[in-house]
Amino acid sequence: MFTCRNQSCGAEWELSDVVIKNEGQGLLFRCPMCGARNYVARTDADDGTVTYEQITDIPPRGTR
């Protein structure tokens, strides 16, 4: 489950609800509701399974 880190949104999404891509700043998904960038990390298991985990240590834009 992914959660939009935009403070005014906070919507929750399953992997099947989002599109993960690299827009030149690393892997991310844009919230389908508000369009905010939410960063993820990709992990490749030995059996070929790919998983994504949301990165929460990058502050949302404008909170630094």
PDB file of N, CA and C in Angstrom:
ATOM      1  N   MET A   1       0.851  -1.172   0.000  1.00  0.00           N
ATOM      2  CA  MET A   1       0.000   0.000   0.000  1.00  0.00           C
ATOM      3  C   MET A   1       0.899   1.239   0.000  1.00  0.00           C
ATOM      4  N   PHE A   2       0.580   2.192  -0.854  1.00  0.00           N
ATOM      5  CA  PHE A   2       1.304   3.457  -0.926  1.00  0.00           C
ATOM      6  C   PHE A   2       0.385   4.564  -0.430  1.00  0.00           C
ATOM      7  N   THR A   3       0.962   5.577   0.189  1.00  0.00           N
ATOM      8  CA  THR A   3       0.198   6.714   0.683  1.00  0.00           C
ATOM      9  C   THR A   3       0.763   7.987   0.077  1.00  0.00           C
ATOM     10  N   CYS A   4      -0.094   8.817  -0.504  1.00  0.00           N
ATOM     11  CA  CYS A   4       0.349  10.091  -1.060  1.00  0.00           C
ATOM     12  C   CYS A   4       0.882  10.956   0.073  1.00  0.00           C
ATOM     13  N   ARG A   5       2.072  11.496  -0.107  1.00  0.00           N
ATOM     14  CA  ARG A   5       2.705  12.290   0.937  1.00  0.00           C
ATOM     15  C   ARG A   5       2.335  13.762   0.856  1.00  0.00           C
ATOM     16  N   ASN A   6       1.487  14.125  -0.110  1.00  0.00           N
ATOM     17  CA  ASN A   6       0.990  15.492  -0.172  1.00  0.00           C
ATOM     18  C   ASN A   6       0.079  15.690   1.030  1.00  0.00           C
ATOM     19  N   GLN A   7       0.422  16.642   1.882  1.00  0.00           N
ATOM     20  CA  GLN A   7      -0.273  16.815   3.153  1.00  0.00           C
ATOM     21  C   GLN A   7      -1.780  17.000   2.987  1.00  0.00           C
ATOM     22  N   SER A   8      -2.202  17.679   1.933  1.00  0.00           N
ATOM     23  CA  SER A   8      -3.629  17.922   1.759  1.00  0.00           C
ATOM     24  C   SER A   8      -4.345  16.752   1.086  1.00  0.00           C
ATOM     25  N   CYS A   9      -3.611  15.733   0.662  1.00  0.00           N
ATOM     26  CA  CYS A   9      -4.222  14.583  -0.027  1.00  0.00           C
ATOM     27  C   CYS A   9      -4.249  13.361   0.885  1.00  0.00           C
ATOM     28  N   GLY A  10      -3.105  12.687   1.025  1.00  0.00           N
ATOM     29  CA  GLY A  10      -3.004  11.523   1.897  1.00  0.00           C
ATOM     30  C   GLY A  10      -3.733  10.285   1.403  1.00  0.00           C
ATOM     31  N   ALA A  11      -4.117  10.246   0.123  1.00  0.00           N
ATOM     32  CA  ALA A  11      -4.838   9.093  -0.425  1.00  0.00           C
ATOM     33  C   ALA A  11      -3.960   7.846  -0.388  1.00  0.00           C
ATOM     34  N   GLU A  12      -4.586   6.684  -0.233  1.00  0.00           N
ATOM     35  CA  GLU A  12      -3.863   5.413  -0.211  1.00  0.00           C
ATOM     36  C   GLU A  12      -4.145   4.658  -1.500  1.00  0.00           C
ATOM     37  N   TRP A  13      -3.078   4.023  -2.028  1.00  0.00           N
ATOM     38  CA  TRP A  13      -3.160   3.340  -3.315  1.00  0.00           C
ATOM     39  C   TRP A  13      -2.474   1.990  -3.255  1.00  0.00           C
ATOM     40  N   GLU A  14      -3.001   1.039  -3.988  1.00  0.00           N
ATOM     41  CA  GLU A  14      -2.354  -0.256  -4.207  1.00  0.00           C
ATOM     42  C   GLU A  14      -1.393  -0.103  -5.381  1.00  0.00           C
ATOM     43  N   LEU A  15      -0.450  -1.017  -5.506  1.00  0.00           N
ATOM     44  CA  LEU A  15       0.494  -0.994  -6.621  1.00  0.00           C
ATOM     45  C   LEU A  15      -0.237  -0.997  -7.957  1.00  0.00           C
ATOM     46  N   SER A  16      -1.325  -1.729  -8.042  1.00  0.00           N
ATOM     47  CA  SER A  16      -2.077  -1.803  -9.301  1.00  0.00           C
ATOM     48  C   SER A  16      -2.768  -0.492  -9.659  1.00  0.00           C
ATOM     49  N   ASP A  17      -2.861   0.442  -8.717  1.00  0.00           N
ATOM     50  CA  ASP A  17      -3.520   1.726  -8.954  1.00  0.00           C
ATOM     51  C   ASP A  17      -2.580   2.807  -9.481  1.00  0.00           C
ATOM     52  N   VAL A  18      -1.270   2.595  -9.370  1.00  0.00           N
ATOM     53  CA  VAL A  18      -0.303   3.629  -9.726  1.00  0.00           C
ATOM     54  C   VAL A  18       0.621   3.162 -10.841  1.00  0.00           C
ATOM     55  N   VAL A  19       1.261   4.129 -11.503  1.00  0.00           N
ATOM     56  CA  VAL A  19       2.251   3.842 -12.543  1.00  0.00           C
ATOM     57  C   VAL A  19       3.597   4.306 -12.012  1.00  0.00           C
ATOM     58  N   ILE A  20       4.520   3.370 -11.861  1.00  0.00           N
ATOM     59  CA  ILE A  20       5.856   3.693 -11.375  1.00  0.00           C
ATOM     60  C   ILE A  20       6.759   3.928 -12.573  1.00  0.00           C
ATOM     61  N   LYS A  21       7.434   5.076 -12.566  1.00  0.00           N
ATOM     62  CA  LYS A  21       8.330   5.411 -13.672  1.00  0.00           C
ATOM     63  C   LYS A  21       9.440   6.316 -13.180  1.00  0.00           C
ATOM     64  N   ASN A  22      10.420   6.535 -14.023  1.00  0.00           N
ATOM     65  CA  ASN A  22      11.533   7.416 -13.708  1.00  0.00           C
ATOM     66  C   ASN A  22      11.363   8.680 -14.533  1.00  0.00           C
ATOM     67  N   GLU A  23      11.166   9.807 -13.879  1.00  0.00           N
ATOM     68  CA  GLU A  23      11.014  11.089 -14.566  1.00  0.00           C
ATOM     69  C   GLU A  23      12.314  11.885 -14.522  1.00  0.00           C
ATOM     70  N   GLY A  24      13.442  11.190 -14.335  1.00  0.00           N
ATOM     71  CA  GLY A  24      14.738  11.838 -14.306  1.00  0.00           C
ATOM     72  C   GLY A  24      15.251  12.124 -12.901  1.00  0.00           C
ATOM     73  N   GLN A  25      14.432  11.877 -11.884  1.00  0.00           N
ATOM     74  CA  GLN A  25      14.840  12.104 -10.505  1.00  0.00           C
ATOM     75  C   GLN A  25      14.733  10.835  -9.683  1.00  0.00           C
ATOM     76  N   GLY A  26      14.674   9.697 -10.317  1.00  0.00           N
ATOM     77  CA  GLY A  26      14.530   8.422  -9.628  1.00  0.00           C
ATOM     78  C   GLY A  26      13.123   7.876  -9.795  1.00  0.00           C
ATOM     79  N   LEU A  27      12.915   6.661  -9.322  1.00  0.00           N
ATOM     80  CA  LEU A  27      11.614   6.018  -9.458  1.00  0.00           C
ATOM     81  C   LEU A  27      10.572   6.705  -8.583  1.00  0.00           C
ATOM     82  N   LEU A  28       9.406   6.902  -9.149  1.00  0.00           N
ATOM     83  CA  LEU A  28       8.322   7.534  -8.414  1.00  0.00           C
ATOM     84  C   LEU A  28       6.991   7.161  -9.027  1.00  0.00           C
ATOM     85  N   PHE A  29       5.931   7.437  -8.277  1.00  0.00           N
ATOM     86  CA  PHE A  29       4.595   7.387  -8.845  1.00  0.00           C
ATOM     87  C   PHE A  29       3.940   8.716  -8.553  1.00  0.00           C
ATOM     88  N   ARG A  30       3.099   9.157  -9.461  1.00  0.00           N
ATOM     89  CA  ARG A  30       2.315  10.371  -9.241  1.00  0.00           C
ATOM     90  C   ARG A  30       0.963   9.946  -8.693  1.00  0.00           C
ATOM     91  N   CYS A  31       0.544  10.619  -7.651  1.00  0.00           N
ATOM     92  CA  CYS A  31      -0.749  10.309  -7.045  1.00  0.00           C
ATOM     93  C   CYS A  31      -1.848  10.474  -8.098  1.00  0.00           C
ATOM     94  N   PRO A  32      -2.664   9.444  -8.325  1.00  0.00           N
ATOM     95  CA  PRO A  32      -3.744   9.562  -9.304  1.00  0.00           C
ATOM     96  C   PRO A  32      -4.768  10.640  -8.946  1.00  0.00           C
ATOM     97  N   MET A  33      -4.830  11.022  -7.683  1.00  0.00           N
ATOM     98  CA  MET A  33      -5.819  12.007  -7.267  1.00  0.00           C
ATOM     99  C   MET A  33      -5.293  13.445  -7.399  1.00  0.00           C
ATOM    100  N   CYS A  34      -4.074  13.709  -6.905  1.00  0.00           N
ATOM    101  CA  CYS A  34      -3.586  15.094  -6.880  1.00  0.00           C
ATOM    102  C   CYS A  34      -2.350  15.334  -7.752  1.00  0.00           C
ATOM    103  N   GLY A  35      -1.703  14.264  -8.244  1.00  0.00           N
ATOM    104  CA  GLY A  35      -0.540  14.415  -9.118  1.00  0.00           C
ATOM    105  C   GLY A  35       0.787  14.609  -8.402  1.00  0.00           C
ATOM    106  N   ALA A  36       0.798  14.540  -7.066  1.00  0.00           N
ATOM    107  CA  ALA A  36       2.040  14.731  -6.315  1.00  0.00           C
ATOM    108  C   ALA A  36       3.023  13.599  -6.586  1.00  0.00           C
ATOM    109  N   ARG A  37       4.313  13.930  -6.584  1.00  0.00           N
ATOM    110  CA  ARG A  37       5.367  12.922  -6.749  1.00  0.00           C
ATOM    111  C   ARG A  37       5.591  12.200  -5.437  1.00  0.00           C
ATOM    112  N   ASN A  38       5.674  10.874  -5.521  1.00  0.00           N
ATOM    113  CA  ASN A  38       5.936  10.028  -4.361  1.00  0.00           C
ATOM    114  C   ASN A  38       7.015   9.037  -4.764  1.00  0.00           C
ATOM    115  N   TYR A  39       8.161   9.084  -4.105  1.00  0.00           N
ATOM    116  CA  TYR A  39       9.313   8.284  -4.499  1.00  0.00           C
ATOM    117  C   TYR A  39       9.242   6.860  -3.956  1.00  0.00           C
ATOM    118  N   VAL A  40       9.779   5.916  -4.748  1.00  0.00           N
ATOM    119  CA  VAL A  40       9.800   4.506  -4.379  1.00  0.00           C
ATOM    120  C   VAL A  40      11.177   3.922  -4.667  1.00  0.00           C
ATOM    121  N   ALA A  41      11.476   2.801  -4.016  1.00  0.00           N
ATOM    122  CA  ALA A  41      12.706   2.046  -4.258  1.00  0.00           C
ATOM    123  C   ALA A  41      12.311   0.678  -4.794  1.00  0.00           C
ATOM    124  N   ARG A  42      13.048   0.206  -5.777  1.00  0.00           N
ATOM    125  CA  ARG A  42      12.791  -1.101  -6.392  1.00  0.00           C
ATOM    126  C   ARG A  42      13.736  -2.131  -5.803  1.00  0.00           C
ATOM    127  N   THR A  43      13.194  -3.325  -5.525  1.00  0.00           N
ATOM    128  CA  THR A  43      13.991  -4.438  -5.042  1.00  0.00           C
ATOM    129  C   THR A  43      13.740  -5.635  -5.940  1.00  0.00           C
ATOM    130  N   ASP A  44      14.829  -6.235  -6.436  1.00  0.00           N
ATOM    131  CA  ASP A  44      14.741  -7.428  -7.269  1.00  0.00           C
ATOM    132  C   ASP A  44      15.162  -8.635  -6.437  1.00  0.00           C
ATOM    133  N   ALA A  45      14.249  -9.573  -6.233  1.00  0.00           N
ATOM    134  CA  ALA A  45      14.551 -10.785  -5.472  1.00  0.00           C
ATOM    135  C   ALA A  45      15.299 -11.781  -6.360  1.00  0.00           C
ATOM    136  N   ASP A  46      15.933 -12.758  -5.726  1.00  0.00           N
ATOM    137  CA  ASP A  46      16.685 -13.782  -6.464  1.00  0.00           C
ATOM    138  C   ASP A  46      15.791 -14.584  -7.404  1.00  0.00           C
ATOM    139  N   ASP A  47      14.514 -14.720  -7.057  1.00  0.00           N
ATOM    140  CA  ASP A  47      13.599 -15.489  -7.908  1.00  0.00           C
ATOM    141  C   ASP A  47      12.998 -14.653  -9.038  1.00  0.00           C
ATOM    142  N   GLY A  48      13.460 -13.393  -9.175  1.00  0.00           N
ATOM    143  CA  GLY A  48      12.984 -12.538 -10.251  1.00  0.00           C
ATOM    144  C   GLY A  48      11.799 -11.658  -9.876  1.00  0.00           C
ATOM    145  N   THR A  49      11.293 -11.810  -8.665  1.00  0.00           N
ATOM    146  CA  THR A  49      10.172 -10.998  -8.206  1.00  0.00           C
ATOM    147  C   THR A  49      10.639  -9.562  -7.970  1.00  0.00           C
ATOM    148  N   VAL A  50       9.864  -8.613  -8.454  1.00  0.00           N
ATOM    149  CA  VAL A  50      10.165  -7.197  -8.264  1.00  0.00           C
ATOM    150  C   VAL A  50       9.166  -6.615  -7.271  1.00  0.00           C
ATOM    151  N   THR A  51       9.680  -5.904  -6.265  1.00  0.00           N
ATOM    152  CA  THR A  51       8.801  -5.239  -5.308  1.00  0.00           C
ATOM    153  C   THR A  51       9.200  -3.768  -5.221  1.00  0.00           C
ATOM    154  N   TYR A  52       8.263  -2.957  -4.809  1.00  0.00           N
ATOM    155  CA  TYR A  52       8.501  -1.524  -4.634  1.00  0.00           C
ATOM    156  C   TYR A  52       8.118  -1.128  -3.225  1.00  0.00           C
ATOM    157  N   GLU A  53       8.937  -0.264  -2.617  1.00  0.00           N
ATOM    158  CA  GLU A  53       8.663   0.246  -1.285  1.00  0.00           C
ATOM    159  C   GLU A  53       8.723   1.768  -1.346  1.00  0.00           C
ATOM    160  N   GLN A  54       7.751   2.415  -0.745  1.00  0.00           N
ATOM    161  CA  GLN A  54       7.716   3.865  -0.756  1.00  0.00           C
ATOM    162  C   GLN A  54       8.843   4.423   0.109  1.00  0.00           C
ATOM    163  N   ILE A  55       9.509   5.445  -0.396  1.00  0.00           N
ATOM    164  CA  ILE A  55      10.583   6.108   0.341  1.00  0.00           C
ATOM    165  C   ILE A  55       9.954   7.246   1.132  1.00  0.00           C
ATOM    166  N   THR A  56      10.146   7.213   2.429  1.00  0.00           N
ATOM    167  CA  THR A  56       9.533   8.239   3.274  1.00  0.00           C
ATOM    168  C   THR A  56      10.550   9.192   3.882  1.00  0.00           C
ATOM    169  N   ASP A  57      11.861   8.961   3.649  1.00  0.00           N
ATOM    170  CA  ASP A  57      12.858   9.851   4.243  1.00  0.00           C
ATOM    171  C   ASP A  57      13.170  11.060   3.374  1.00  0.00           C
ATOM    172  N   ILE A  58      12.552  11.158   2.179  1.00  0.00           N
ATOM    173  CA  ILE A  58      12.669  12.358   1.355  1.00  0.00           C
ATOM    174  C   ILE A  58      11.470  13.232   1.697  1.00  0.00           C
ATOM    175  N   PRO A  59      11.690  14.436   2.238  1.00  0.00           N
ATOM    176  CA  PRO A  59      10.543  15.257   2.621  1.00  0.00           C
ATOM    177  C   PRO A  59       9.739  15.677   1.396  1.00  0.00           C
ATOM    178  N   PRO A  60       8.419  15.773   1.538  1.00  0.00           N
ATOM    179  CA  PRO A  60       7.606  16.273   0.434  1.00  0.00           C
ATOM    180  C   PRO A  60       8.056  17.683   0.058  1.00  0.00           C
ATOM    181  N   ARG A  61       7.851  18.047  -1.180  1.00  0.00           N
ATOM    182  CA  ARG A  61       8.276  19.351  -1.687  1.00  0.00           C
ATOM    183  C   ARG A  61       7.711  20.494  -0.836  1.00  0.00           C
ATOM    184  N   GLY A  62       8.572  21.444  -0.508  1.00  0.00           N
ATOM    185  CA  GLY A  62       8.146  22.622   0.215  1.00  0.00           C
ATOM    186  C   GLY A  62       8.189  22.508   1.730  1.00  0.00           C
ATOM    187  N   THR A  63       8.690  21.361   2.262  1.00  0.00           N
ATOM    188  CA  THR A  63       8.721  21.198   3.714  1.00  0.00           C
ATOM    189  C   THR A  63      10.132  21.277   4.281  1.00  0.00           C
ATOM    190  N   ARG A  64      11.106  21.642   3.497  1.00  0.00           N
ATOM    191  CA  ARG A  64      12.485  21.723   3.990  1.00  0.00           C
ATOM    192  C   ARG A  64      12.731  22.976   4.755  1.00  0.00           C
TER     193      ARG A  64
END
